[in-house]
Amino acid sequence: MKTFTILRNRTAKYCNVSTSDTVQMAVIDANINDSIRTICNLQGGKLRFLELVKDMYTVADQESYQIPNGFRKLIDLYIYSDDGTSSRSTIYSPEMVFDPVRWKRILQYRLGYQDVPYFTYVENTQFKVQPIPATSGNLIKLRGRLQTRDLTIPDYSTGTITSIANAGTAIVGSSTVWTAEMVGSYINIPVTQAANGGDGFWYKIAAWTDATHITLEKPYEGTSISAGTATYTIGQASAIPEAYDVGIVYRATALYWQNQGDDKRAKAYWMMYDGGMEAGLRDEYGGLMLQMLSNEGETEEGAYIPPGGSSLNMPQAPYYLPYQDASGFS
């Protein structure tokens, strides 16, 4: 995984720019964030790594609910008969309504208040539920596509890790100044030959307690650290999988050289990025983006058309074909 600092340093190197050149680094930073948004919008953003699930809860007598900021698009939702902690919960899957005329007719039926939802409708930044929930605290599971945000914060590595247990999520630091703004960033404890090293994988930070205590989103899989002095790095990173996030660097570098009028260098990086498709050099995906779209294009939104190796390689190719039915029958 390449953090914001790694991305900008690598791009600066390929662009022959000193990281102390604030003017040119501002251009590179803009290119990096533009590239992240562009990559996350390929194939309409219907990419597996952009799928997101979040929890909300019903409020008695409330029809409309705010869609969380992290969602670019709400795909589906289901509602529990309680707070979701019971194994006997009933799970309801209200029908998603996309036609405003049909929704208006549903409202005219005046379905009233009850905890069995029939319909849901997305309107701007809110979703609405009918019948209107009659009880507070029933779990709502939202599934959607991630809304990307700009990377702006440099890596942080002050202090050491003194404690984290295998299969645990609580991390204790020493001489650290961790902040609430680090929630959502990633932490890496590198592998070492000495004792009290990490496993070298990146873990998302789920919560912050104070300057020396944070909590991971997933359990730590490395060897337990106790009374240690392990080094670490905390950094912002994109949602793009590690195998393909160097594509951010390729595109940002291509944009830089293109703006500098160096078409030869720009072409080299466009070819590594997507085979030159975005730049109009080819009419088919290639390069690293072809690999990403081929391997990461499966989502729960429907069947996926591979971007390369067939006549369906063009951008205007349909996303879903009738013979790719979920039933498995052609």
C-alpha atoms as a PDB file:
ATOM      1  CA  MET A   1       0.000   0.000   0.000  1.00  0.00           C
ATOM      2  CA  LYS A   2       1.340   3.404  -0.982  1.00  0.00           C
ATOM      3  CA  THR A   3       0.602   6.205   1.431  1.00  0.00           C
ATOM      4  CA  PHE A   4       0.243   9.814   0.357  1.00  0.00           C
ATOM      5  CA  THR A   5       3.894  10.498   1.193  1.00  0.00           C
ATOM      6  CA  ILE A   6       5.073   7.485  -0.822  1.00  0.00           C
ATOM      7  CA  LEU A   7       2.884   8.465  -3.798  1.00  0.00           C
ATOM      8  CA  ARG A   8       4.105  12.049  -3.909  1.00  0.00           C
ATOM      9  CA  ASN A   9       7.780  11.111  -3.405  1.00  0.00           C
ATOM     10  CA  ARG A  10       7.628   8.479  -6.159  1.00  0.00           C
ATOM     11  CA  THR A  11       5.845  10.844  -8.542  1.00  0.00           C
ATOM     12  CA  ALA A  12       8.298  13.642  -7.792  1.00  0.00           C
ATOM     13  CA  LYS A  13      11.178  11.299  -8.629  1.00  0.00           C
ATOM     14  CA  TYR A  14       9.633  10.311 -11.989  1.00  0.00           C
ATOM     15  CA  CYS A  15       8.970  13.995 -12.745  1.00  0.00           C
ATOM     16  CA  ASN A  16      12.487  15.101 -11.793  1.00  0.00           C
ATOM     17  CA  VAL A  17      11.008  17.470  -9.205  1.00  0.00           C
ATOM     18  CA  SER A  18      12.520  18.223  -5.812  1.00  0.00           C
ATOM     19  CA  THR A  19      10.102  17.618  -2.945  1.00  0.00           C
ATOM     20  CA  SER A  20      11.221  20.996  -1.569  1.00  0.00           C
ATOM     21  CA  ASP A  21       9.776  22.740  -4.652  1.00  0.00           C
ATOM     22  CA  THR A  22       6.413  23.721  -3.178  1.00  0.00           C
ATOM     23  CA  VAL A  23       5.010  25.068  -6.458  1.00  0.00           C
ATOM     24  CA  GLN A  24       5.681  21.917  -8.470  1.00  0.00           C
ATOM     25  CA  MET A  25       4.732  19.638  -5.558  1.00  0.00           C
ATOM     26  CA  ALA A  26       1.334  21.366  -5.390  1.00  0.00           C
ATOM     27  CA  VAL A  27       0.850  20.381  -9.049  1.00  0.00           C
ATOM     28  CA  ILE A  28       1.904  16.810  -8.299  1.00  0.00           C
ATOM     29  CA  ASP A  29      -0.429  16.605  -5.284  1.00  0.00           C
ATOM     30  CA  ALA A  30      -3.327  17.783  -7.448  1.00  0.00           C
ATOM     31  CA  ASN A  31      -2.442  15.223 -10.127  1.00  0.00           C
ATOM     32  CA  ILE A  32      -2.315  12.448  -7.516  1.00  0.00           C
ATOM     33  CA  ASN A  33      -5.757  13.208  -6.141  1.00  0.00           C
ATOM     34  CA  ASP A  34      -7.202  13.683  -9.625  1.00  0.00           C
ATOM     35  CA  SER A  35      -5.772  10.288 -10.586  1.00  0.00           C
ATOM     36  CA  ILE A  36      -7.322   8.587  -7.558  1.00  0.00           C
ATOM     37  CA  ARG A  37     -10.755   9.973  -8.455  1.00  0.00           C
ATOM     38  CA  THR A  38     -10.322   8.998 -12.097  1.00  0.00           C
ATOM     39  CA  ILE A  39      -9.244   5.420 -11.340  1.00  0.00           C
ATOM     40  CA  CYS A  40     -12.120   4.996  -8.871  1.00  0.00           C
ATOM     41  CA  ASN A  41     -14.541   6.141 -11.581  1.00  0.00           C
ATOM     42  CA  LEU A  42     -13.433   3.635 -14.238  1.00  0.00           C
ATOM     43  CA  GLN A  43     -16.303   1.469 -15.476  1.00  0.00           C
ATOM     44  CA  GLY A  44     -18.666   3.849 -13.710  1.00  0.00           C
ATOM     45  CA  GLY A  45     -17.053   3.116 -10.351  1.00  0.00           C
ATOM     46  CA  LYS A  46     -18.503  -0.392 -10.304  1.00  0.00           C
ATOM     47  CA  LEU A  47     -15.434  -1.872  -8.683  1.00  0.00           C
ATOM     48  CA  ARG A  48     -15.325  -4.401  -5.883  1.00  0.00           C
ATOM     49  CA  PHE A  49     -12.947  -2.441  -3.669  1.00  0.00           C
ATOM     50  CA  LEU A  50     -15.305   0.557  -3.651  1.00  0.00           C
ATOM     51  CA  GLU A  51     -18.186  -1.328  -2.052  1.00  0.00           C
ATOM     52  CA  LEU A  52     -19.007  -0.038   1.413  1.00  0.00           C
ATOM     53  CA  VAL A  53     -21.337  -1.146   4.216  1.00  0.00           C
ATOM     54  CA  LYS A  54     -22.429   1.109   7.067  1.00  0.00           C
ATOM     55  CA  ASP A  55     -24.921   0.847   9.912  1.00  0.00           C
ATOM     56  CA  MET A  56     -27.669   3.269  10.877  1.00  0.00           C
ATOM     57  CA  TYR A  57     -30.730   2.957  13.089  1.00  0.00           C
ATOM     58  CA  THR A  58     -34.378   3.828  12.622  1.00  0.00           C
ATOM     59  CA  VAL A  59     -35.984   6.743  14.426  1.00  0.00           C
ATOM     60  CA  ALA A  60     -39.635   6.435  15.366  1.00  0.00           C
ATOM     61  CA  ASP A  61     -41.961   8.414  13.072  1.00  0.00           C
ATOM     62  CA  GLN A  62     -39.076   9.500  10.814  1.00  0.00           C
ATOM     63  CA  GLU A  63     -39.331   8.830   7.073  1.00  0.00           C
ATOM     64  CA  SER A  64     -36.124  10.466   5.759  1.00  0.00           C
ATOM     65  CA  TYR A  65     -32.524   9.583   6.689  1.00  0.00           C
ATOM     66  CA  GLN A  66     -29.260  11.251   5.674  1.00  0.00           C
ATOM     67  CA  ILE A  67     -26.955   9.127   3.524  1.00  0.00           C
ATOM     68  CA  PRO A  68     -23.494   9.067   5.194  1.00  0.00           C
ATOM     69  CA  ASN A  69     -20.827  11.291   3.651  1.00  0.00           C
ATOM     70  CA  GLY A  70     -18.666   8.265   2.845  1.00  0.00           C
ATOM     71  CA  PHE A  71     -21.184   7.070   0.239  1.00  0.00           C
ATOM     72  CA  ARG A  72     -20.903   8.131  -3.353  1.00  0.00           C
ATOM     73  CA  LYS A  73     -24.007   6.133  -4.244  1.00  0.00           C
ATOM     74  CA  LEU A  74     -26.478   4.095  -2.227  1.00  0.00           C
ATOM     75  CA  ILE A  75     -26.983   0.721  -3.904  1.00  0.00           C
ATOM     76  CA  ASP A  76     -29.180  -1.189  -1.482  1.00  0.00           C
ATOM     77  CA  LEU A  77     -30.317  -1.406   2.122  1.00  0.00           C
ATOM     78  CA  TYR A  78     -32.052  -3.818   4.472  1.00  0.00           C
ATOM     79  CA  ILE A  79     -33.656  -3.254   7.844  1.00  0.00           C
ATOM     80  CA  TYR A  80     -33.747  -5.497  10.912  1.00  0.00           C
ATOM     81  CA  SER A  81     -36.715  -6.032  13.206  1.00  0.00           C
ATOM     82  CA  ASP A  82     -34.474  -5.004  16.134  1.00  0.00           C
ATOM     83  CA  ASP A  83     -30.962  -3.669  16.744  1.00  0.00           C
ATOM     84  CA  GLY A  84     -29.444  -6.625  14.894  1.00  0.00           C
ATOM     85  CA  THR A  85     -27.879  -8.298  17.924  1.00  0.00           C
ATOM     86  CA  SER A  86     -30.400 -11.124  18.187  1.00  0.00           C
ATOM     87  CA  SER A  87     -30.063 -14.318  16.151  1.00  0.00           C
ATOM     88  CA  ARG A  88     -33.848 -14.261  15.828  1.00  0.00           C
ATOM     89  CA  SER A  89     -33.952 -10.907  14.048  1.00  0.00           C
ATOM     90  CA  THR A  90     -36.170 -10.653  11.010  1.00  0.00           C
ATOM     91  CA  ILE A  91     -34.433  -8.974   8.089  1.00  0.00           C
ATOM     92  CA  TYR A  92     -36.539  -6.965   5.664  1.00  0.00           C
ATOM     93  CA  SER A  93     -35.387  -5.979   2.189  1.00  0.00           C
ATOM     94  CA  PRO A  94     -37.530  -3.051   1.019  1.00  0.00           C
ATOM     95  CA  GLU A  95     -37.892  -2.572  -2.713  1.00  0.00           C
ATOM     96  CA  MET A  96     -35.680   0.188  -4.114  1.00  0.00           C
ATOM     97  CA  VAL A  97     -37.849   2.652  -6.056  1.00  0.00           C
ATOM     98  CA  PHE A  98     -36.107   4.739  -8.714  1.00  0.00           C
ATOM     99  CA  ASP A  99     -39.081   6.385 -10.417  1.00  0.00           C
ATOM    100  CA  PRO A 100     -40.209   9.621  -8.681  1.00  0.00           C
ATOM    101  CA  VAL A 101     -43.692   9.275 -10.191  1.00  0.00           C
ATOM    102  CA  ARG A 102     -44.076   5.817  -8.681  1.00  0.00           C
ATOM    103  CA  TRP A 103     -42.792   7.091  -5.325  1.00  0.00           C
ATOM    104  CA  LYS A 104     -45.412   9.843  -5.365  1.00  0.00           C
ATOM    105  CA  ARG A 105     -48.109   7.219  -5.882  1.00  0.00           C
ATOM    106  CA  ILE A 106     -46.723   5.163  -2.978  1.00  0.00           C
ATOM    107  CA  LEU A 107     -46.996   8.234  -0.760  1.00  0.00           C
ATOM    108  CA  GLN A 108     -50.603   8.661  -1.846  1.00  0.00           C
ATOM    109  CA  TYR A 109     -51.412   5.215  -0.455  1.00  0.00           C
ATOM    110  CA  ARG A 110     -50.604   6.564   3.036  1.00  0.00           C
ATOM    111  CA  LEU A 111     -49.080   3.341   4.333  1.00  0.00           C
ATOM    112  CA  GLY A 112     -48.773   4.803   7.808  1.00  0.00           C
ATOM    113  CA  TYR A 113     -46.345   3.731  10.529  1.00  0.00           C
ATOM    114  CA  GLN A 114     -45.005   0.223  11.086  1.00  0.00           C
ATOM    115  CA  ASP A 115     -41.710  -1.662  11.355  1.00  0.00           C
ATOM    116  CA  VAL A 116     -42.116  -3.773   8.204  1.00  0.00           C
ATOM    117  CA  PRO A 117     -40.661  -1.624   5.394  1.00  0.00           C
ATOM    118  CA  TYR A 118     -41.979  -2.129   1.862  1.00  0.00           C
ATOM    119  CA  PHE A 119     -40.245   0.578  -0.160  1.00  0.00           C
ATOM    120  CA  THR A 120     -37.229   2.884  -0.064  1.00  0.00           C
ATOM    121  CA  TYR A 121     -36.410   5.825  -2.310  1.00  0.00           C
ATOM    122  CA  VAL A 122     -33.205   7.868  -2.729  1.00  0.00           C
ATOM    123  CA  GLU A 123     -33.712  11.606  -3.067  1.00  0.00           C
ATOM    124  CA  ASN A 124     -30.595  13.763  -3.332  1.00  0.00           C
ATOM    125  CA  THR A 125     -28.557  13.017  -0.187  1.00  0.00           C
ATOM    126  CA  GLN A 126     -31.329  11.235   1.697  1.00  0.00           C
ATOM    127  CA  PHE A 127     -33.194   7.952   1.527  1.00  0.00           C
ATOM    128  CA  LYS A 128     -36.819   7.549   2.540  1.00  0.00           C
ATOM    129  CA  VAL A 129     -38.636   4.538   3.941  1.00  0.00           C
ATOM    130  CA  GLN A 130     -42.294   3.583   3.570  1.00  0.00           C
ATOM    131  CA  PRO A 131     -44.170   2.685   5.690  1.00  0.00           C
ATOM    132  CA  ILE A 132     -42.525   5.104   8.101  1.00  0.00           C
ATOM    133  CA  PRO A 133     -40.685   3.236  10.916  1.00  0.00           C
ATOM    134  CA  ALA A 134     -42.712   3.144  14.113  1.00  0.00           C
ATOM    135  CA  THR A 135     -39.827   2.137  16.420  1.00  0.00           C
ATOM    136  CA  SER A 136     -36.430   3.651  17.165  1.00  0.00           C
ATOM    137  CA  GLY A 137     -33.242   1.585  17.226  1.00  0.00           C
ATOM    138  CA  ASN A 138     -33.870  -0.969  14.489  1.00  0.00           C
ATOM    139  CA  LEU A 139     -30.694  -1.620  12.521  1.00  0.00           C
ATOM    140  CA  ILE A 140     -30.437  -0.319   8.946  1.00  0.00           C
ATOM    141  CA  LYS A 141     -27.628  -1.833   6.851  1.00  0.00           C
ATOM    142  CA  LEU A 142     -26.602   0.398   3.969  1.00  0.00           C
ATOM    143  CA  ARG A 143     -24.567  -0.875   1.011  1.00  0.00           C
ATOM    144  CA  GLY A 144     -23.100   1.525  -1.484  1.00  0.00           C
ATOM    145  CA  ARG A 145     -20.047   2.790  -3.307  1.00  0.00           C
ATOM    146  CA  LEU A 146     -17.287   4.656  -1.538  1.00  0.00           C
ATOM    147  CA  GLN A 147     -16.891   8.405  -1.939  1.00  0.00           C
ATOM    148  CA  THR A 148     -13.171   9.113  -2.311  1.00  0.00           C
ATOM    149  CA  ARG A 149     -11.590  12.125  -0.655  1.00  0.00           C
ATOM    150  CA  ASP A 150      -8.331  13.942  -1.284  1.00  0.00           C
ATOM    151  CA  LEU A 151      -5.133  12.764   0.394  1.00  0.00           C
ATOM    152  CA  THR A 152      -3.404  15.660   2.119  1.00  0.00           C
ATOM    153  CA  ILE A 153      -1.718  14.452   5.324  1.00  0.00           C
ATOM    154  CA  PRO A 154       1.972  13.356   5.355  1.00  0.00           C
ATOM    155  CA  ASP A 155       3.054  10.105   6.979  1.00  0.00           C
ATOM    156  CA  TYR A 156       3.610  10.031  10.752  1.00  0.00           C
ATOM    157  CA  SER A 157       6.150   7.822  12.534  1.00  0.00           C
ATOM    158  CA  THR A 158       7.108   9.592  15.788  1.00  0.00           C
ATOM    159  CA  GLY A 159       7.643   7.314  18.809  1.00  0.00           C
ATOM    160  CA  THR A 160       7.327   3.525  18.965  1.00  0.00           C
ATOM    161  CA  ILE A 161       4.774   0.753  19.430  1.00  0.00           C
ATOM    162  CA  THR A 162       5.036  -0.799  22.882  1.00  0.00           C
ATOM    163  CA  SER A 163       2.088  -3.188  22.902  1.00  0.00           C
ATOM    164  CA  ILE A 164      -0.295  -5.029  20.582  1.00  0.00           C
ATOM    165  CA  ALA A 165      -1.565  -8.590  20.975  1.00  0.00           C
ATOM    166  CA  ASN A 166      -1.970 -11.164  18.245  1.00  0.00           C
ATOM    167  CA  ALA A 167      -5.676 -11.166  17.241  1.00  0.00           C
ATOM    168  CA  GLY A 168      -6.087  -7.923  19.210  1.00  0.00           C
ATOM    169  CA  THR A 169      -7.062  -4.474  17.957  1.00  0.00           C
ATOM    170  CA  ALA A 170      -5.727  -2.187  20.711  1.00  0.00           C
ATOM    171  CA  ILE A 171      -2.347  -0.532  20.078  1.00  0.00           C
ATOM    172  CA  VAL A 172      -0.299   1.264  22.719  1.00  0.00           C
ATOM    173  CA  GLY A 173       2.441   3.701  21.758  1.00  0.00           C
ATOM    174  CA  SER A 174       5.262   5.502  23.514  1.00  0.00           C
ATOM    175  CA  SER A 175       6.282   9.115  22.786  1.00  0.00           C
ATOM    176  CA  THR A 176       3.531   9.187  20.160  1.00  0.00           C
ATOM    177  CA  VAL A 177       1.171  12.081  19.512  1.00  0.00           C
ATOM    178  CA  TRP A 178      -1.691  10.280  17.816  1.00  0.00           C
ATOM    179  CA  THR A 179      -4.743  12.372  16.956  1.00  0.00           C
ATOM    180  CA  ALA A 180      -8.411  11.806  16.115  1.00  0.00           C
ATOM    181  CA  GLU A 181      -7.654  12.847  12.523  1.00  0.00           C
ATOM    182  CA  MET A 182      -5.725   9.577  12.095  1.00  0.00           C
ATOM    183  CA  VAL A 183      -8.946   7.539  12.176  1.00  0.00           C
ATOM    184  CA  GLY A 184      -9.415   6.161   8.659  1.00  0.00           C
ATOM    185  CA  SER A 185      -5.667   6.188   7.955  1.00  0.00           C
ATOM    186  CA  TYR A 186      -3.520   3.033   7.973  1.00  0.00           C
ATOM    187  CA  ILE A 187      -0.731   1.805  10.232  1.00  0.00           C
ATOM    188  CA  ASN A 188       2.142  -0.523   9.334  1.00  0.00           C
ATOM    189  CA  ILE A 189       4.572  -2.187  11.755  1.00  0.00           C
ATOM    190  CA  PRO A 190       7.435  -3.496   9.600  1.00  0.00           C
ATOM    191  CA  VAL A 191       8.867  -6.990   9.790  1.00  0.00           C
ATOM    192  CA  THR A 192      12.250  -7.208  11.541  1.00  0.00           C
ATOM    193  CA  GLN A 193      14.697  -9.993  12.314  1.00  0.00           C
ATOM    194  CA  ALA A 194      14.792  -8.847  15.929  1.00  0.00           C
ATOM    195  CA  ALA A 195      12.079  -9.438  18.507  1.00  0.00           C
ATOM    196  CA  ASN A 196       8.980  -7.263  18.689  1.00  0.00           C
ATOM    197  CA  GLY A 197       8.698  -6.672  14.962  1.00  0.00           C
ATOM    198  CA  GLY A 198       5.394  -6.443  13.114  1.00  0.00           C
ATOM    199  CA  ASP A 199       3.947  -8.414  10.222  1.00  0.00           C
ATOM    200  CA  GLY A 200       4.473  -5.729   7.566  1.00  0.00           C
ATOM    201  CA  PHE A 201       0.795  -5.441   6.635  1.00  0.00           C
ATOM    202  CA  TRP A 202      -1.323  -2.299   6.666  1.00  0.00           C
ATOM    203  CA  TYR A 203      -4.238  -2.034   9.100  1.00  0.00           C
ATOM    204  CA  LYS A 204      -6.966   0.594   9.019  1.00  0.00           C
ATOM    205  CA  ILE A 205      -7.344   2.692  12.167  1.00  0.00           C
ATOM    206  CA  ALA A 206     -10.930   2.495  13.434  1.00  0.00           C
ATOM    207  CA  ALA A 207     -10.815   4.602  16.599  1.00  0.00           C
ATOM    208  CA  TRP A 208      -8.656   6.991  18.615  1.00  0.00           C
ATOM    209  CA  THR A 209      -8.555   7.164  22.409  1.00  0.00           C
ATOM    210  CA  ASP A 210      -5.658   9.474  23.183  1.00  0.00           C
ATOM    211  CA  ALA A 211      -2.111  10.337  22.103  1.00  0.00           C
ATOM    212  CA  THR A 212      -0.831   6.819  22.856  1.00  0.00           C
ATOM    213  CA  HIS A 213      -3.870   4.588  22.236  1.00  0.00           C
ATOM    214  CA  ILE A 214      -5.607   3.693  18.955  1.00  0.00           C
ATOM    215  CA  THR A 215      -7.786   0.803  17.806  1.00  0.00           C
ATOM    216  CA  LEU A 216      -7.596  -1.184  14.553  1.00  0.00           C
ATOM    217  CA  GLU A 217     -10.554  -2.030  12.356  1.00  0.00           C
ATOM    218  CA  LYS A 218      -9.383  -5.648  11.940  1.00  0.00           C
ATOM    219  CA  PRO A 219      -7.483  -7.906  14.368  1.00  0.00           C
ATOM    220  CA  TYR A 220      -3.697  -7.794  14.168  1.00  0.00           C
ATOM    221  CA  GLU A 221      -2.307 -11.011  12.678  1.00  0.00           C
ATOM    222  CA  GLY A 222       1.350 -10.642  13.589  1.00  0.00           C
ATOM    223  CA  THR A 223       3.318 -11.808  16.606  1.00  0.00           C
ATOM    224  CA  SER A 224       2.316 -10.107  19.841  1.00  0.00           C
ATOM    225  CA  ILE A 225       4.415  -7.138  20.926  1.00  0.00           C
ATOM    226  CA  SER A 226       4.836  -6.598  24.648  1.00  0.00           C
ATOM    227  CA  ALA A 227       7.011  -3.897  26.229  1.00  0.00           C
ATOM    228  CA  GLY A 228       8.498  -3.395  22.783  1.00  0.00           C
ATOM    229  CA  THR A 229       9.968  -0.493  20.838  1.00  0.00           C
ATOM    230  CA  ALA A 230       8.685  -1.312  17.360  1.00  0.00           C
ATOM    231  CA  THR A 231       8.855   1.289  14.620  1.00  0.00           C
ATOM    232  CA  TYR A 232       5.739   2.060  12.610  1.00  0.00           C
ATOM    233  CA  THR A 233       4.236   4.326   9.956  1.00  0.00           C
ATOM    234  CA  ILE A 234       0.759   5.866   9.880  1.00  0.00           C
ATOM    235  CA  GLY A 235      -0.376   7.269   6.548  1.00  0.00           C
ATOM    236  CA  GLN A 236      -3.321   8.208   4.395  1.00  0.00           C
ATOM    237  CA  ALA A 237      -3.965   5.857   1.480  1.00  0.00           C
ATOM    238  CA  SER A 238      -6.465   5.459  -1.324  1.00  0.00           C
ATOM    239  CA  ALA A 239      -9.004   2.632  -1.563  1.00  0.00           C
ATOM    240  CA  ILE A 240      -7.227   1.281  -4.652  1.00  0.00           C
ATOM    241  CA  PRO A 241      -5.728  -2.179  -3.978  1.00  0.00           C
ATOM    242  CA  GLU A 242      -2.002  -2.310  -3.308  1.00  0.00           C
ATOM    243  CA  ALA A 243      -1.274  -4.272  -6.475  1.00  0.00           C
ATOM    244  CA  TYR A 244      -2.570  -1.407  -8.617  1.00  0.00           C
ATOM    245  CA  ASP A 245      -2.039   1.811  -6.648  1.00  0.00           C
ATOM    246  CA  VAL A 246       1.199   2.545  -8.519  1.00  0.00           C
ATOM    247  CA  GLY A 247      -1.212   3.408 -11.331  1.00  0.00           C
ATOM    248  CA  ILE A 248      -1.836   6.645  -9.429  1.00  0.00           C
ATOM    249  CA  VAL A 249       1.844   7.493  -9.853  1.00  0.00           C
ATOM    250  CA  TYR A 250       1.862   6.569 -13.558  1.00  0.00           C
ATOM    251  CA  ARG A 251      -1.136   8.768 -14.366  1.00  0.00           C
ATOM    252  CA  ALA A 252       0.030  11.701 -12.214  1.00  0.00           C
ATOM    253  CA  THR A 253       3.447  11.551 -13.921  1.00  0.00           C
ATOM    254  CA  ALA A 254       1.884  11.330 -17.391  1.00  0.00           C
ATOM    255  CA  LEU A 255      -0.201  14.434 -16.647  1.00  0.00           C
ATOM    256  CA  TYR A 256       2.872  16.293 -15.425  1.00  0.00           C
ATOM    257  CA  TRP A 257       4.975  15.585 -18.518  1.00  0.00           C
ATOM    258  CA  GLN A 258       2.018  16.232 -20.805  1.00  0.00           C
ATOM    259  CA  ASN A 259       1.605  19.686 -19.248  1.00  0.00           C
ATOM    260  CA  GLN A 260       5.352  20.228 -19.647  1.00  0.00           C
ATOM    261  CA  GLY A 261       5.044  19.508 -23.372  1.00  0.00           C
ATOM    262  CA  ASP A 262       7.209  16.373 -23.211  1.00  0.00           C
ATOM    263  CA  ASP A 263       5.005  14.045 -25.249  1.00  0.00           C
ATOM    264  CA  LYS A 264       7.578  11.248 -25.350  1.00  0.00           C
ATOM    265  CA  ARG A 265       7.759  10.892 -21.569  1.00  0.00           C
ATOM    266  CA  ALA A 266       4.041  11.456 -21.171  1.00  0.00           C
ATOM    267  CA  LYS A 267       3.301   8.654 -23.650  1.00  0.00           C
ATOM    268  CA  ALA A 268       5.586   6.229 -21.790  1.00  0.00           C
ATOM    269  CA  TYR A 269       3.656   6.731 -18.551  1.00  0.00           C
ATOM    270  CA  TRP A 270       0.236   6.714 -20.255  1.00  0.00           C
ATOM    271  CA  MET A 271       1.134   3.328 -21.734  1.00  0.00           C
ATOM    272  CA  MET A 272       2.145   1.937 -18.333  1.00  0.00           C
ATOM    273  CA  TYR A 273      -1.036   3.372 -16.784  1.00  0.00           C
ATOM    274  CA  ASP A 274      -3.811   2.174 -19.114  1.00  0.00           C
ATOM    275  CA  GLY A 275      -2.146   1.358 -22.399  1.00  0.00           C
ATOM    276  CA  GLY A 276      -2.710   4.912 -23.602  1.00  0.00           C
ATOM    277  CA  MET A 277      -6.498   4.668 -23.753  1.00  0.00           C
ATOM    278  CA  GLU A 278      -7.316   7.831 -21.778  1.00  0.00           C
ATOM    279  CA  ALA A 279      -4.790   9.814 -23.798  1.00  0.00           C
ATOM    280  CA  GLY A 280      -6.334   8.586 -27.064  1.00  0.00           C
ATOM    281  CA  LEU A 281      -3.312   6.513 -28.048  1.00  0.00           C
ATOM    282  CA  ARG A 282      -5.347   3.274 -28.202  1.00  0.00           C
ATOM    283  CA  ASP A 283      -9.010   2.307 -28.201  1.00  0.00           C
ATOM    284  CA  GLU A 284      -8.581  -0.557 -25.724  1.00  0.00           C
ATOM    285  CA  TYR A 285      -7.476  -0.745 -22.124  1.00  0.00           C
ATOM    286  CA  GLY A 286      -3.957  -1.956 -21.496  1.00  0.00           C
ATOM    287  CA  GLY A 287      -1.233  -1.492 -18.928  1.00  0.00           C
ATOM    288  CA  LEU A 288      -1.935  -1.695 -15.230  1.00  0.00           C
ATOM    289  CA  MET A 289      -5.574  -0.596 -15.472  1.00  0.00           C
ATOM    290  CA  LEU A 290      -6.414  -3.564 -17.686  1.00  0.00           C
ATOM    291  CA  GLN A 291      -5.139  -5.849 -14.935  1.00  0.00           C
ATOM    292  CA  MET A 292      -7.093  -3.975 -12.276  1.00  0.00           C
ATOM    293  CA  LEU A 293     -10.374  -3.931 -14.182  1.00  0.00           C
ATOM    294  CA  SER A 294     -10.040  -7.616 -15.072  1.00  0.00           C
ATOM    295  CA  ASN A 295      -9.375  -8.665 -11.479  1.00  0.00           C
ATOM    296  CA  GLU A 296     -11.349  -6.152  -9.425  1.00  0.00           C
ATOM    297  CA  GLY A 297     -14.409  -5.537 -11.570  1.00  0.00           C
ATOM    298  CA  GLU A 298     -16.670  -8.054  -9.850  1.00  0.00           C
ATOM    299  CA  THR A 299     -19.269  -6.339  -7.680  1.00  0.00           C
ATOM    300  CA  GLU A 300     -22.630  -7.210  -6.223  1.00  0.00           C
ATOM    301  CA  GLU A 301     -24.272  -4.698  -8.558  1.00  0.00           C
ATOM    302  CA  GLY A 302     -24.375  -7.020 -11.538  1.00  0.00           C
ATOM    303  CA  ALA A 303     -22.293  -8.992 -13.983  1.00  0.00           C
ATOM    304  CA  TYR A 304     -19.063  -7.425 -15.173  1.00  0.00           C
ATOM    305  CA  ILE A 305     -17.821  -7.095 -18.741  1.00  0.00           C
ATOM    306  CA  PRO A 306     -14.041  -7.607 -18.889  1.00  0.00           C
ATOM    307  CA  PRO A 307     -12.265  -4.545 -20.315  1.00  0.00           C
ATOM    308  CA  GLY A 308      -9.853  -6.414 -22.570  1.00  0.00           C
ATOM    309  CA  GLY A 309      -9.502  -9.368 -24.848  1.00  0.00           C
ATOM    310  CA  SER A 310     -12.850  -9.043 -26.619  1.00  0.00           C
ATOM    311  CA  SER A 311     -15.018  -6.749 -28.709  1.00  0.00           C
ATOM    312  CA  LEU A 312     -16.569  -5.536 -25.452  1.00  0.00           C
ATOM    313  CA  ASN A 313     -13.398  -3.654 -24.639  1.00  0.00           C
ATOM    314  CA  MET A 314     -14.763  -0.283 -25.693  1.00  0.00           C
ATOM    315  CA  PRO A 315     -15.950   2.178 -23.041  1.00  0.00           C
ATOM    316  CA  GLN A 316     -19.437   2.214 -24.525  1.00  0.00           C
ATOM    317  CA  ALA A 317     -19.822  -1.547 -24.052  1.00  0.00           C
ATOM    318  CA  PRO A 318     -22.843  -2.505 -21.904  1.00  0.00           C
ATOM    319  CA  TYR A 319     -22.265  -3.184 -18.255  1.00  0.00           C
ATOM    320  CA  TYR A 320     -24.773  -6.022 -18.128  1.00  0.00           C
ATOM    321  CA  LEU A 321     -25.967  -8.459 -20.774  1.00  0.00           C
ATOM    322  CA  PRO A 322     -29.210 -10.468 -20.466  1.00  0.00           C
ATOM    323  CA  TYR A 323     -27.458 -13.805 -20.830  1.00  0.00           C
ATOM    324  CA  GLN A 324     -25.394 -13.080 -17.718  1.00  0.00           C
ATOM    325  CA  ASP A 325     -28.366 -13.743 -15.507  1.00  0.00           C
ATOM    326  CA  ALA A 326     -27.795 -14.309 -11.804  1.00  0.00           C
ATOM    327  CA  SER A 327     -29.699 -17.574 -12.227  1.00  0.00           C
ATOM    328  CA  GLY A 328     -26.780 -19.052 -14.121  1.00  0.00           C
ATOM    329  CA  PHE A 329     -28.959 -20.016 -17.078  1.00  0.00           C
ATOM    330  CA  SER A 330     -28.111 -18.670 -20.513  1.00  0.00           C
END
